[in-house]
Every structure is written in C-alpha cells, then in structure tokens.
N, C-alpha and C. Protein backbone atom coordinates (compact mmCIF):
# COMPACT_ATOMS: atom_id res chain seq x y z
N MET A 1 34.65 -10.66 14.33
CA MET A 1 34.03 -9.34 14.26
C MET A 1 33.09 -9.24 13.06
N GLY A 2 33.39 -9.89 11.96
CA GLY A 2 32.56 -9.85 10.77
C GLY A 2 31.19 -10.43 11.01
N ALA A 3 31.12 -11.58 11.71
CA ALA A 3 29.83 -12.22 11.99
C ALA A 3 29.00 -11.36 12.94
N ALA A 4 29.64 -10.76 13.92
CA ALA A 4 28.92 -9.91 14.87
C ALA A 4 28.36 -8.67 14.18
N ALA A 5 29.14 -8.10 13.27
CA ALA A 5 28.68 -6.92 12.54
C ALA A 5 27.51 -7.29 11.62
N ALA A 6 27.61 -8.47 10.98
CA ALA A 6 26.52 -8.92 10.11
C ALA A 6 25.25 -9.15 10.92
N ARG A 7 25.39 -9.78 12.08
CA ARG A 7 24.25 -10.04 12.94
C ARG A 7 23.63 -8.72 13.40
N ALA A 8 24.47 -7.77 13.78
CA ALA A 8 23.97 -6.46 14.21
C ALA A 8 23.25 -5.75 13.06
N GLY A 9 23.79 -5.88 11.85
CA GLY A 9 23.15 -5.29 10.68
C GLY A 9 21.79 -5.90 10.40
N LEU A 10 21.69 -7.23 10.52
CA LEU A 10 20.41 -7.91 10.31
C LEU A 10 19.39 -7.51 11.37
N LEU A 11 19.85 -7.39 12.61
CA LEU A 11 18.94 -6.97 13.68
C LEU A 11 18.43 -5.55 13.45
N ALA A 12 19.33 -4.68 13.00
CA ALA A 12 18.93 -3.30 12.71
C ALA A 12 17.93 -3.25 11.56
N LEU A 13 18.18 -4.06 10.53
CA LEU A 13 17.25 -4.14 9.40
C LEU A 13 15.89 -4.66 9.86
N ALA A 14 15.89 -5.72 10.64
CA ALA A 14 14.64 -6.29 11.13
C ALA A 14 13.87 -5.28 11.98
N ALA A 15 14.58 -4.55 12.84
CA ALA A 15 13.93 -3.54 13.69
C ALA A 15 13.34 -2.42 12.83
N ARG A 16 14.08 -1.99 11.82
CA ARG A 16 13.59 -0.93 10.93
C ARG A 16 12.34 -1.37 10.17
N LEU A 17 12.37 -2.60 9.62
CA LEU A 17 11.22 -3.09 8.86
C LEU A 17 10.02 -3.35 9.77
N LEU A 18 10.27 -3.80 10.98
CA LEU A 18 9.19 -4.00 11.94
C LEU A 18 8.54 -2.67 12.30
N ARG A 19 9.37 -1.65 12.52
CA ARG A 19 8.85 -0.32 12.84
C ARG A 19 8.01 0.22 11.67
N ALA A 20 8.52 0.04 10.45
CA ALA A 20 7.78 0.48 9.26
C ALA A 20 6.47 -0.29 9.14
N GLY A 21 6.51 -1.59 9.40
CA GLY A 21 5.31 -2.41 9.33
C GLY A 21 4.28 -2.01 10.37
N ARG A 22 4.74 -1.73 11.58
CA ARG A 22 3.81 -1.30 12.64
C ARG A 22 3.14 0.02 12.28
N THR A 23 3.93 0.95 11.78
CA THR A 23 3.37 2.25 11.39
C THR A 23 2.33 2.07 10.29
N SER A 24 2.70 1.34 9.25
CA SER A 24 1.78 1.12 8.15
C SER A 24 0.56 0.32 8.59
N GLY A 25 0.76 -0.69 9.43
CA GLY A 25 -0.36 -1.48 9.93
C GLY A 25 -1.36 -0.63 10.69
N ALA A 26 -0.86 0.28 11.50
CA ALA A 26 -1.75 1.18 12.25
C ALA A 26 -2.52 2.09 11.31
N VAL A 27 -1.83 2.63 10.31
CA VAL A 27 -2.49 3.53 9.35
C VAL A 27 -3.56 2.77 8.55
N LEU A 28 -3.20 1.59 8.04
CA LEU A 28 -4.16 0.83 7.22
C LEU A 28 -5.34 0.33 8.04
N THR A 29 -5.10 -0.04 9.29
CA THR A 29 -6.20 -0.48 10.16
C THR A 29 -7.17 0.66 10.40
N THR A 30 -6.65 1.80 10.79
CA THR A 30 -7.49 2.97 11.04
C THR A 30 -8.24 3.39 9.78
N SER A 31 -7.53 3.38 8.66
CA SER A 31 -8.14 3.79 7.40
C SER A 31 -9.25 2.84 6.97
N ASP A 32 -9.05 1.54 7.18
CA ASP A 32 -10.10 0.59 6.82
C ASP A 32 -11.34 0.80 7.68
N LEU A 33 -11.14 1.01 8.97
CA LEU A 33 -12.30 1.25 9.84
C LEU A 33 -13.03 2.52 9.42
N LEU A 34 -12.28 3.55 9.02
CA LEU A 34 -12.91 4.77 8.53
C LEU A 34 -13.66 4.49 7.23
N ALA A 35 -13.06 3.73 6.33
CA ALA A 35 -13.73 3.38 5.06
C ALA A 35 -15.02 2.62 5.33
N GLN A 36 -14.98 1.68 6.27
CA GLN A 36 -16.19 0.92 6.59
C GLN A 36 -17.26 1.84 7.18
N SER A 37 -16.84 2.78 7.97
CA SER A 37 -17.78 3.74 8.55
C SER A 37 -18.43 4.57 7.45
N ILE A 38 -17.64 4.99 6.46
CA ILE A 38 -18.16 5.76 5.34
C ILE A 38 -19.11 4.91 4.51
N GLU A 39 -18.75 3.66 4.27
CA GLU A 39 -19.59 2.75 3.47
C GLU A 39 -20.96 2.57 4.08
N THR A 40 -21.05 2.52 5.40
CA THR A 40 -22.34 2.25 6.05
C THR A 40 -23.03 3.52 6.52
N SER A 41 -22.45 4.70 6.26
CA SER A 41 -23.02 5.94 6.80
C SER A 41 -24.38 6.27 6.21
N GLY A 42 -24.71 5.73 5.05
CA GLY A 42 -26.01 6.00 4.46
C GLY A 42 -27.13 5.16 5.04
N PHE A 43 -26.80 4.18 5.85
CA PHE A 43 -27.81 3.30 6.43
C PHE A 43 -28.23 3.82 7.79
N ARG A 44 -29.52 3.61 8.11
CA ARG A 44 -30.00 4.06 9.42
C ARG A 44 -29.40 3.24 10.54
N GLU A 45 -29.35 1.94 10.34
CA GLU A 45 -28.75 1.07 11.34
C GLU A 45 -27.33 0.78 10.95
N ARG A 46 -26.42 1.14 11.81
CA ARG A 46 -25.01 0.87 11.53
C ARG A 46 -24.71 -0.59 11.80
N SER A 47 -24.00 -1.18 10.87
CA SER A 47 -23.56 -2.55 11.10
C SER A 47 -22.20 -2.49 11.77
N SER A 48 -21.85 -3.54 12.47
CA SER A 48 -20.54 -3.56 13.10
C SER A 48 -19.48 -3.76 12.03
N PRO A 49 -18.27 -3.29 12.29
CA PRO A 49 -17.22 -3.39 11.27
C PRO A 49 -16.85 -4.84 10.98
N ASP A 50 -16.40 -5.06 9.76
CA ASP A 50 -15.90 -6.36 9.35
C ASP A 50 -14.47 -6.47 9.86
N LEU A 51 -14.32 -7.09 11.03
CA LEU A 51 -13.00 -7.14 11.66
C LEU A 51 -12.02 -8.03 10.90
N TRP A 52 -12.50 -9.03 10.17
CA TRP A 52 -11.60 -9.85 9.34
C TRP A 52 -11.01 -9.01 8.22
N ARG A 53 -11.83 -8.16 7.63
CA ARG A 53 -11.33 -7.25 6.59
C ARG A 53 -10.27 -6.32 7.18
N THR A 54 -10.55 -5.77 8.34
CA THR A 54 -9.60 -4.88 9.00
C THR A 54 -8.31 -5.62 9.35
N LEU A 55 -8.43 -6.85 9.81
CA LEU A 55 -7.25 -7.66 10.12
C LEU A 55 -6.40 -7.89 8.87
N ARG A 56 -7.06 -8.12 7.73
CA ARG A 56 -6.31 -8.30 6.47
C ARG A 56 -5.51 -7.05 6.15
N TRP A 57 -6.11 -5.87 6.33
CA TRP A 57 -5.37 -4.63 6.06
C TRP A 57 -4.23 -4.44 7.06
N LEU A 58 -4.43 -4.84 8.30
CA LEU A 58 -3.36 -4.80 9.28
C LEU A 58 -2.18 -5.66 8.81
N LEU A 59 -2.49 -6.88 8.35
CA LEU A 59 -1.44 -7.78 7.85
C LEU A 59 -0.73 -7.21 6.63
N VAL A 60 -1.48 -6.57 5.75
CA VAL A 60 -0.87 -5.93 4.58
C VAL A 60 0.12 -4.86 5.03
N GLY A 61 -0.28 -4.06 5.99
CA GLY A 61 0.60 -3.00 6.50
C GLY A 61 1.85 -3.56 7.16
N LEU A 62 1.65 -4.58 8.01
CA LEU A 62 2.78 -5.16 8.75
C LEU A 62 3.78 -5.86 7.84
N THR A 63 3.27 -6.57 6.84
CA THR A 63 4.15 -7.47 6.09
C THR A 63 4.46 -7.03 4.66
N LEU A 64 3.71 -6.09 4.10
CA LEU A 64 3.97 -5.68 2.72
C LEU A 64 4.19 -4.17 2.62
N ASP A 65 3.19 -3.39 2.91
CA ASP A 65 3.23 -1.95 2.67
C ASP A 65 4.38 -1.26 3.41
N GLY A 66 4.45 -1.42 4.71
CA GLY A 66 5.50 -0.74 5.48
C GLY A 66 6.90 -1.15 5.06
N PRO A 67 7.22 -2.45 5.07
CA PRO A 67 8.56 -2.86 4.66
C PRO A 67 8.90 -2.49 3.21
N TYR A 68 7.94 -2.64 2.30
CA TYR A 68 8.19 -2.34 0.88
C TYR A 68 8.56 -0.87 0.70
N TRP A 69 7.74 0.02 1.27
CA TRP A 69 7.97 1.44 1.04
C TRP A 69 9.14 1.98 1.85
N ASP A 70 9.40 1.42 3.01
CA ASP A 70 10.61 1.81 3.74
C ASP A 70 11.84 1.50 2.89
N SER A 71 11.88 0.30 2.36
CA SER A 71 13.00 -0.10 1.50
C SER A 71 13.02 0.71 0.21
N GLY A 72 11.83 0.98 -0.34
CA GLY A 72 11.75 1.75 -1.57
C GLY A 72 12.27 3.17 -1.42
N PHE A 73 11.89 3.84 -0.33
CA PHE A 73 12.39 5.20 -0.11
C PHE A 73 13.90 5.21 0.09
N ARG A 74 14.43 4.20 0.75
CA ARG A 74 15.88 4.11 0.93
C ARG A 74 16.58 3.90 -0.41
N LEU A 75 15.98 3.08 -1.27
CA LEU A 75 16.54 2.85 -2.60
C LEU A 75 16.55 4.15 -3.40
N VAL A 76 15.47 4.88 -3.36
CA VAL A 76 15.39 6.16 -4.07
C VAL A 76 16.50 7.10 -3.60
N ASP A 77 16.72 7.17 -2.30
CA ASP A 77 17.79 8.04 -1.78
C ASP A 77 19.17 7.55 -2.20
N ARG A 78 19.36 6.22 -2.24
CA ARG A 78 20.66 5.71 -2.69
C ARG A 78 20.89 6.02 -4.17
N LEU A 79 19.85 5.87 -4.97
CA LEU A 79 20.00 6.09 -6.41
C LEU A 79 20.13 7.56 -6.79
N PHE A 80 19.36 8.41 -6.12
CA PHE A 80 19.30 9.81 -6.53
C PHE A 80 19.90 10.76 -5.50
N GLY A 81 20.37 10.23 -4.39
CA GLY A 81 21.00 11.05 -3.37
C GLY A 81 20.01 11.90 -2.61
N ALA A 82 20.55 12.68 -1.71
CA ALA A 82 19.72 13.53 -0.86
C ALA A 82 19.54 14.92 -1.46
N ARG A 83 19.92 15.06 -2.74
CA ARG A 83 19.77 16.37 -3.40
C ARG A 83 18.32 16.83 -3.32
N GLU A 84 18.14 18.12 -3.21
CA GLU A 84 16.79 18.64 -3.12
C GLU A 84 16.50 19.64 -4.24
N SER A 85 17.09 19.40 -5.40
CA SER A 85 16.82 20.26 -6.55
C SER A 85 15.52 19.80 -7.21
N TRP A 86 15.02 20.63 -8.11
CA TRP A 86 13.80 20.26 -8.84
C TRP A 86 14.05 19.06 -9.72
N ALA A 87 15.23 18.97 -10.31
CA ALA A 87 15.56 17.82 -11.16
C ALA A 87 15.54 16.53 -10.34
N ALA A 88 16.14 16.58 -9.15
CA ALA A 88 16.14 15.40 -8.28
C ALA A 88 14.73 15.04 -7.85
N LEU A 89 13.95 16.05 -7.55
CA LEU A 89 12.55 15.83 -7.16
C LEU A 89 11.79 15.10 -8.27
N LEU A 90 11.96 15.55 -9.49
CA LEU A 90 11.28 14.92 -10.63
C LEU A 90 11.77 13.49 -10.83
N GLN A 91 13.08 13.27 -10.71
CA GLN A 91 13.63 11.93 -10.87
C GLN A 91 13.09 10.99 -9.79
N LYS A 92 13.11 11.44 -8.56
CA LYS A 92 12.65 10.60 -7.46
C LYS A 92 11.16 10.26 -7.60
N THR A 93 10.36 11.26 -7.93
CA THR A 93 8.93 11.05 -8.08
C THR A 93 8.64 10.12 -9.26
N ALA A 94 9.31 10.34 -10.38
CA ALA A 94 9.10 9.48 -11.55
C ALA A 94 9.52 8.05 -11.25
N PHE A 95 10.65 7.87 -10.60
CA PHE A 95 11.11 6.52 -10.26
C PHE A 95 10.11 5.82 -9.34
N THR A 96 9.65 6.55 -8.34
CA THR A 96 8.70 5.98 -7.40
C THR A 96 7.41 5.56 -8.11
N GLN A 97 6.88 6.45 -8.96
CA GLN A 97 5.60 6.17 -9.62
C GLN A 97 5.71 5.13 -10.73
N LEU A 98 6.81 5.16 -11.48
CA LEU A 98 6.91 4.31 -12.66
C LEU A 98 7.63 2.99 -12.41
N VAL A 99 8.51 2.95 -11.41
CA VAL A 99 9.28 1.72 -11.16
C VAL A 99 8.83 1.01 -9.89
N LEU A 100 8.66 1.73 -8.80
CA LEU A 100 8.31 1.09 -7.53
C LEU A 100 6.82 0.79 -7.40
N ASN A 101 5.98 1.70 -7.86
CA ASN A 101 4.54 1.54 -7.62
C ASN A 101 3.89 0.40 -8.40
N PRO A 102 4.14 0.21 -9.70
CA PRO A 102 3.44 -0.88 -10.40
C PRO A 102 3.63 -2.27 -9.79
N PRO A 103 4.86 -2.70 -9.46
CA PRO A 103 4.96 -4.03 -8.84
C PRO A 103 4.29 -4.07 -7.46
N PHE A 104 4.36 -2.96 -6.73
CA PHE A 104 3.69 -2.93 -5.42
C PHE A 104 2.19 -3.13 -5.58
N ILE A 105 1.59 -2.43 -6.53
CA ILE A 105 0.14 -2.53 -6.74
C ILE A 105 -0.23 -3.96 -7.12
N LEU A 106 0.54 -4.58 -7.99
CA LEU A 106 0.26 -5.97 -8.37
C LEU A 106 0.37 -6.89 -7.15
N LEU A 107 1.43 -6.72 -6.36
CA LEU A 107 1.57 -7.51 -5.13
C LEU A 107 0.40 -7.27 -4.18
N LEU A 108 -0.01 -6.02 -4.05
CA LEU A 108 -1.11 -5.67 -3.16
C LEU A 108 -2.40 -6.37 -3.58
N ILE A 109 -2.70 -6.34 -4.86
CA ILE A 109 -3.92 -6.98 -5.35
C ILE A 109 -3.88 -8.47 -5.08
N LEU A 110 -2.78 -9.11 -5.45
CA LEU A 110 -2.67 -10.56 -5.25
C LEU A 110 -2.71 -10.93 -3.77
N TYR A 111 -2.00 -10.17 -2.96
CA TYR A 111 -1.92 -10.46 -1.52
C TYR A 111 -3.29 -10.31 -0.86
N THR A 112 -3.99 -9.22 -1.16
CA THR A 112 -5.31 -9.04 -0.54
C THR A 112 -6.28 -10.12 -0.99
N GLN A 113 -6.17 -10.54 -2.24
CA GLN A 113 -7.02 -11.62 -2.72
C GLN A 113 -6.72 -12.92 -1.97
N LEU A 114 -5.45 -13.23 -1.82
CA LEU A 114 -5.07 -14.47 -1.13
C LEU A 114 -5.43 -14.43 0.36
N LEU A 115 -5.36 -13.25 0.96
CA LEU A 115 -5.74 -13.13 2.37
C LEU A 115 -7.24 -13.35 2.57
N GLU A 116 -8.02 -13.13 1.53
CA GLU A 116 -9.47 -13.36 1.63
C GLU A 116 -9.80 -14.85 1.58
N GLY A 117 -8.87 -15.67 1.18
CA GLY A 117 -9.10 -17.11 1.13
C GLY A 117 -8.61 -17.68 -0.19
N PRO A 118 -8.73 -18.99 -0.33
CA PRO A 118 -8.25 -19.63 -1.56
C PRO A 118 -8.91 -19.02 -2.79
N ARG A 119 -8.11 -18.82 -3.81
CA ARG A 119 -8.59 -18.24 -5.05
C ARG A 119 -8.13 -19.09 -6.22
N THR A 120 -8.98 -19.17 -7.22
CA THR A 120 -8.59 -19.85 -8.45
C THR A 120 -7.73 -18.89 -9.26
N ALA A 121 -7.03 -19.43 -10.24
CA ALA A 121 -6.24 -18.58 -11.13
C ALA A 121 -7.15 -17.60 -11.87
N ALA A 122 -8.34 -18.07 -12.24
CA ALA A 122 -9.29 -17.19 -12.94
C ALA A 122 -9.73 -16.04 -12.04
N ALA A 123 -9.95 -16.32 -10.78
CA ALA A 123 -10.36 -15.26 -9.84
C ALA A 123 -9.24 -14.25 -9.64
N LEU A 124 -7.99 -14.72 -9.56
CA LEU A 124 -6.86 -13.80 -9.40
C LEU A 124 -6.70 -12.94 -10.65
N ARG A 125 -6.82 -13.54 -11.82
CA ARG A 125 -6.74 -12.77 -13.07
C ARG A 125 -7.85 -11.73 -13.13
N ALA A 126 -9.06 -12.12 -12.74
CA ALA A 126 -10.19 -11.18 -12.76
C ALA A 126 -9.94 -10.02 -11.80
N ALA A 127 -9.39 -10.31 -10.64
CA ALA A 127 -9.09 -9.25 -9.67
C ALA A 127 -8.04 -8.29 -10.22
N VAL A 128 -7.00 -8.85 -10.84
CA VAL A 128 -5.96 -8.01 -11.42
C VAL A 128 -6.55 -7.16 -12.55
N ARG A 129 -7.35 -7.77 -13.41
CA ARG A 129 -7.98 -7.01 -14.51
C ARG A 129 -8.87 -5.90 -13.97
N ALA A 130 -9.62 -6.18 -12.93
CA ALA A 130 -10.56 -5.19 -12.40
C ALA A 130 -9.87 -4.06 -11.63
N LYS A 131 -8.77 -4.36 -10.97
CA LYS A 131 -8.19 -3.40 -10.03
C LYS A 131 -6.90 -2.73 -10.49
N LEU A 132 -6.11 -3.38 -11.32
CA LEU A 132 -4.77 -2.86 -11.61
C LEU A 132 -4.81 -1.46 -12.21
N TRP A 133 -5.55 -1.27 -13.28
CA TRP A 133 -5.57 0.04 -13.91
C TRP A 133 -6.17 1.12 -13.01
N PRO A 134 -7.33 0.89 -12.36
CA PRO A 134 -7.85 1.95 -11.47
C PRO A 134 -6.86 2.31 -10.34
N TYR A 135 -6.21 1.32 -9.75
CA TYR A 135 -5.23 1.61 -8.69
C TYR A 135 -4.06 2.41 -9.23
N LEU A 136 -3.53 1.99 -10.37
CA LEU A 136 -2.37 2.69 -10.95
C LEU A 136 -2.75 4.12 -11.35
N ARG A 137 -3.87 4.26 -12.03
CA ARG A 137 -4.32 5.58 -12.50
C ARG A 137 -4.56 6.52 -11.32
N ASP A 138 -5.36 6.06 -10.37
CA ASP A 138 -5.70 6.92 -9.23
C ASP A 138 -4.47 7.18 -8.35
N GLY A 139 -3.66 6.14 -8.18
CA GLY A 139 -2.43 6.30 -7.39
C GLY A 139 -1.47 7.27 -8.04
N PHE A 140 -1.38 7.23 -9.37
CA PHE A 140 -0.50 8.17 -10.06
C PHE A 140 -0.92 9.60 -9.79
N CYS A 141 -2.21 9.85 -9.88
CA CYS A 141 -2.71 11.21 -9.62
C CYS A 141 -2.44 11.64 -8.17
N PHE A 142 -2.79 10.78 -7.23
CA PHE A 142 -2.65 11.13 -5.82
C PHE A 142 -1.19 11.19 -5.39
N TRP A 143 -0.44 10.11 -5.68
CA TRP A 143 0.91 9.98 -5.13
C TRP A 143 1.95 10.82 -5.85
N THR A 144 1.69 11.25 -7.07
CA THR A 144 2.66 12.14 -7.72
C THR A 144 2.77 13.43 -6.91
N ALA A 145 1.63 13.98 -6.54
CA ALA A 145 1.65 15.20 -5.73
C ALA A 145 2.19 14.92 -4.32
N ALA A 146 1.73 13.83 -3.72
CA ALA A 146 2.16 13.52 -2.35
C ALA A 146 3.65 13.22 -2.28
N ASN A 147 4.16 12.42 -3.22
CA ASN A 147 5.59 12.11 -3.20
C ASN A 147 6.45 13.32 -3.53
N SER A 148 5.96 14.18 -4.40
CA SER A 148 6.70 15.41 -4.68
C SER A 148 6.85 16.24 -3.41
N ALA A 149 5.77 16.39 -2.68
CA ALA A 149 5.84 17.12 -1.41
C ALA A 149 6.73 16.39 -0.42
N ASN A 150 6.63 15.07 -0.38
CA ASN A 150 7.43 14.28 0.54
C ASN A 150 8.93 14.48 0.27
N TYR A 151 9.34 14.33 -0.98
CA TYR A 151 10.76 14.48 -1.32
C TYR A 151 11.24 15.91 -1.17
N LEU A 152 10.36 16.86 -1.38
CA LEU A 152 10.74 18.27 -1.30
C LEU A 152 10.81 18.77 0.15
N LEU A 153 9.88 18.33 0.98
CA LEU A 153 9.74 18.92 2.31
C LEU A 153 10.29 18.08 3.46
N MET A 154 10.37 16.77 3.28
CA MET A 154 10.71 15.89 4.40
C MET A 154 12.15 15.40 4.35
N PRO A 155 12.80 15.35 5.52
CA PRO A 155 14.11 14.70 5.56
C PRO A 155 13.91 13.18 5.39
N PRO A 156 14.92 12.47 4.92
CA PRO A 156 14.75 11.04 4.64
C PRO A 156 14.16 10.24 5.80
N GLN A 157 14.54 10.53 7.02
CA GLN A 157 14.05 9.74 8.16
C GLN A 157 12.59 10.00 8.48
N ARG A 158 11.98 11.01 7.89
CA ARG A 158 10.57 11.33 8.14
C ARG A 158 9.65 10.98 6.97
N ARG A 159 10.22 10.46 5.89
CA ARG A 159 9.41 10.22 4.69
C ARG A 159 8.34 9.15 4.89
N LEU A 160 8.68 8.08 5.59
CA LEU A 160 7.69 7.04 5.80
C LEU A 160 6.54 7.55 6.68
N LEU A 161 6.88 8.34 7.70
CA LEU A 161 5.84 8.92 8.56
C LEU A 161 4.94 9.87 7.75
N PHE A 162 5.54 10.72 6.94
CA PHE A 162 4.77 11.63 6.09
C PHE A 162 3.85 10.82 5.17
N SER A 163 4.41 9.79 4.56
CA SER A 163 3.60 8.94 3.68
C SER A 163 2.47 8.28 4.44
N GLY A 164 2.73 7.92 5.68
CA GLY A 164 1.68 7.31 6.50
C GLY A 164 0.55 8.27 6.78
N VAL A 165 0.90 9.49 7.13
CA VAL A 165 -0.12 10.48 7.45
C VAL A 165 -0.93 10.82 6.19
N VAL A 166 -0.23 11.14 5.11
CA VAL A 166 -0.92 11.45 3.85
C VAL A 166 -1.60 10.20 3.32
N GLY A 167 -0.93 9.08 3.52
CA GLY A 167 -1.45 7.82 3.01
C GLY A 167 -2.72 7.36 3.69
N SER A 168 -3.04 7.91 4.86
CA SER A 168 -4.28 7.49 5.51
C SER A 168 -5.48 7.86 4.63
N THR A 169 -5.39 8.99 3.95
CA THR A 169 -6.45 9.36 3.01
C THR A 169 -6.49 8.35 1.86
N TRP A 170 -5.31 8.04 1.31
CA TRP A 170 -5.22 7.08 0.21
C TRP A 170 -5.69 5.70 0.68
N ALA A 171 -5.29 5.29 1.85
CA ALA A 171 -5.65 3.96 2.34
C ALA A 171 -7.15 3.84 2.58
N THR A 172 -7.77 4.91 3.05
CA THR A 172 -9.23 4.90 3.21
C THR A 172 -9.89 4.71 1.85
N TYR A 173 -9.43 5.46 0.87
CA TYR A 173 -9.94 5.31 -0.49
C TYR A 173 -9.67 3.90 -1.02
N LEU A 174 -8.46 3.41 -0.82
CA LEU A 174 -8.07 2.09 -1.33
C LEU A 174 -8.91 0.98 -0.70
N SER A 175 -9.16 1.07 0.58
CA SER A 175 -10.00 0.09 1.25
C SER A 175 -11.40 0.10 0.67
N TRP A 176 -11.93 1.30 0.46
CA TRP A 176 -13.27 1.43 -0.10
C TRP A 176 -13.33 0.89 -1.53
N VAL A 177 -12.36 1.29 -2.37
CA VAL A 177 -12.40 0.86 -3.77
C VAL A 177 -12.07 -0.63 -3.89
N THR A 178 -11.24 -1.16 -2.99
CA THR A 178 -10.95 -2.60 -3.01
C THR A 178 -12.22 -3.39 -2.79
N LYS A 179 -13.02 -2.96 -1.85
CA LYS A 179 -14.30 -3.62 -1.59
C LYS A 179 -15.21 -3.54 -2.81
N ARG A 180 -15.32 -2.35 -3.36
CA ARG A 180 -16.20 -2.13 -4.51
C ARG A 180 -15.73 -2.92 -5.73
N LEU A 181 -14.43 -2.83 -6.05
CA LEU A 181 -13.90 -3.55 -7.21
C LEU A 181 -13.83 -5.05 -6.95
N GLY A 182 -13.63 -5.43 -5.69
CA GLY A 182 -13.61 -6.84 -5.35
C GLY A 182 -14.94 -7.50 -5.60
N ASP A 183 -16.01 -6.80 -5.27
CA ASP A 183 -17.35 -7.32 -5.56
C ASP A 183 -17.54 -7.50 -7.06
N ALA A 184 -17.06 -6.53 -7.85
CA ALA A 184 -17.17 -6.62 -9.31
C ALA A 184 -16.32 -7.76 -9.87
N ALA A 185 -15.11 -7.94 -9.33
CA ALA A 185 -14.22 -9.00 -9.81
C ALA A 185 -14.80 -10.38 -9.48
N ARG A 186 -15.38 -10.52 -8.28
CA ARG A 186 -16.00 -11.80 -7.92
C ARG A 186 -17.16 -12.12 -8.84
N ALA A 187 -17.94 -11.11 -9.18
CA ALA A 187 -19.07 -11.33 -10.09
C ALA A 187 -18.56 -11.75 -11.47
N GLU A 188 -17.47 -11.12 -11.94
CA GLU A 188 -16.90 -11.48 -13.24
C GLU A 188 -16.33 -12.89 -13.21
N ALA A 189 -15.64 -13.26 -12.13
CA ALA A 189 -15.07 -14.61 -12.02
C ALA A 189 -16.17 -15.66 -11.99
N THR A 190 -17.27 -15.36 -11.31
CA THR A 190 -18.40 -16.29 -11.26
C THR A 190 -19.01 -16.44 -12.64
N LYS A 191 -19.16 -15.33 -13.36
CA LYS A 191 -19.72 -15.36 -14.70
C LYS A 191 -18.80 -16.16 -15.64
N THR A 192 -17.47 -15.94 -15.54
CA THR A 192 -16.51 -16.66 -16.37
C THR A 192 -16.55 -18.16 -16.08
N ALA A 193 -16.65 -18.50 -14.81
CA ALA A 193 -16.69 -19.92 -14.42
C ALA A 193 -17.95 -20.60 -14.94
N GLU A 194 -19.06 -19.85 -15.00
CA GLU A 194 -20.32 -20.42 -15.48
C GLU A 194 -20.33 -20.59 -17.00
N ASP A 195 -19.55 -19.75 -17.71
CA ASP A 195 -19.51 -19.83 -19.18
C ASP A 195 -18.71 -20.98 -19.66
C-alpha cells in the first residue's frame, strides 16, 4: 500500500505541475505575441512574429514559471497558513517578494539566455548584470500589489489562475523588456569580448 500511495502522490504532483505549466505557458505565449505586436506597432509594415521567441516563452511557462509558482504558493500557504489577516497578508507578500522572487528572476534570466542558444560565461554575466536589478525593481512594484490582492481575495486553489490573469500584463512587459535589455546585454558582451 505504501508504494501505491507514493505512486499516486507522484502522479498527482506531476498532474498539478503540468496543469500549472500549461496555464503559464498559455499566458506567456499570448503575452509574448502581444509584446511583439506592441513592438512593431510603430512600423507601417508589420513583420511576422518571431515564433522562436514565442516558443522560448512557452517553454519557460511549461517548465519553469508555472511549476515554480505553483509550488511557491503552496509553500507560502504551508508556512503562513490560510489566515487572511493583514499580518498574514504582509508576511505572505514579503516572503514571496523577498525569498521566492529573487531566485526565480535569476533562473528566468539564465534560462531565457540558454534557450536563445549557447552562451559564454561573459554573456551570461552581462545578461544578469543588465536584467537582474530592473526585473527585481519593477517586479517588486508590480507584484507587491498583485500578490497582496491575490492573498487577500483569492482562495488558495485560485491563486495561480489569478496570477496568470494579472501576470499577462507583467509577462507582456517582461517579454518586451527582455528583448530590449537582451539587445543591450549582447552589445555589452560583444564590447567586453573585444576589449
């Protein structure tokens, strides 16, 4: 009975993480296409979307964003309980922003860089230098309010969905700024390599 229960537990975990990944993948895919549309809206001739870029965001959602935040929200509930007081709200939001978000942002930067193709250590360092602080700063401003509303208004089983809906705005911004900062990081890495 122990092995069967363990197997059932693993299957339930896999199903939950797959569902979270699918949800996040759909949000990040849609958001990237929207970001690309915004990026090219100033041009008279629209270029077709960069489907490889969109595929990378889909992979990020399926394999990193969805599973990470599903597990993160569950951890927050285990640590701080389902209490809905203002003190609990502040604790949950602070933990999410100060403990869960920084490693996620670092993983996100490295993962998106590696999905773009082979990178040198210098290129990865340049990407982290260029993107880490803007992502953390902007994310802190955006997600402090969003997570506060999420923890205050949503039952635990709806938090990932709420984050997905609100996160579509963030993901559109993130896709746009990743492209912009990525161009700057590549230029810095090229300059460093030439020096």
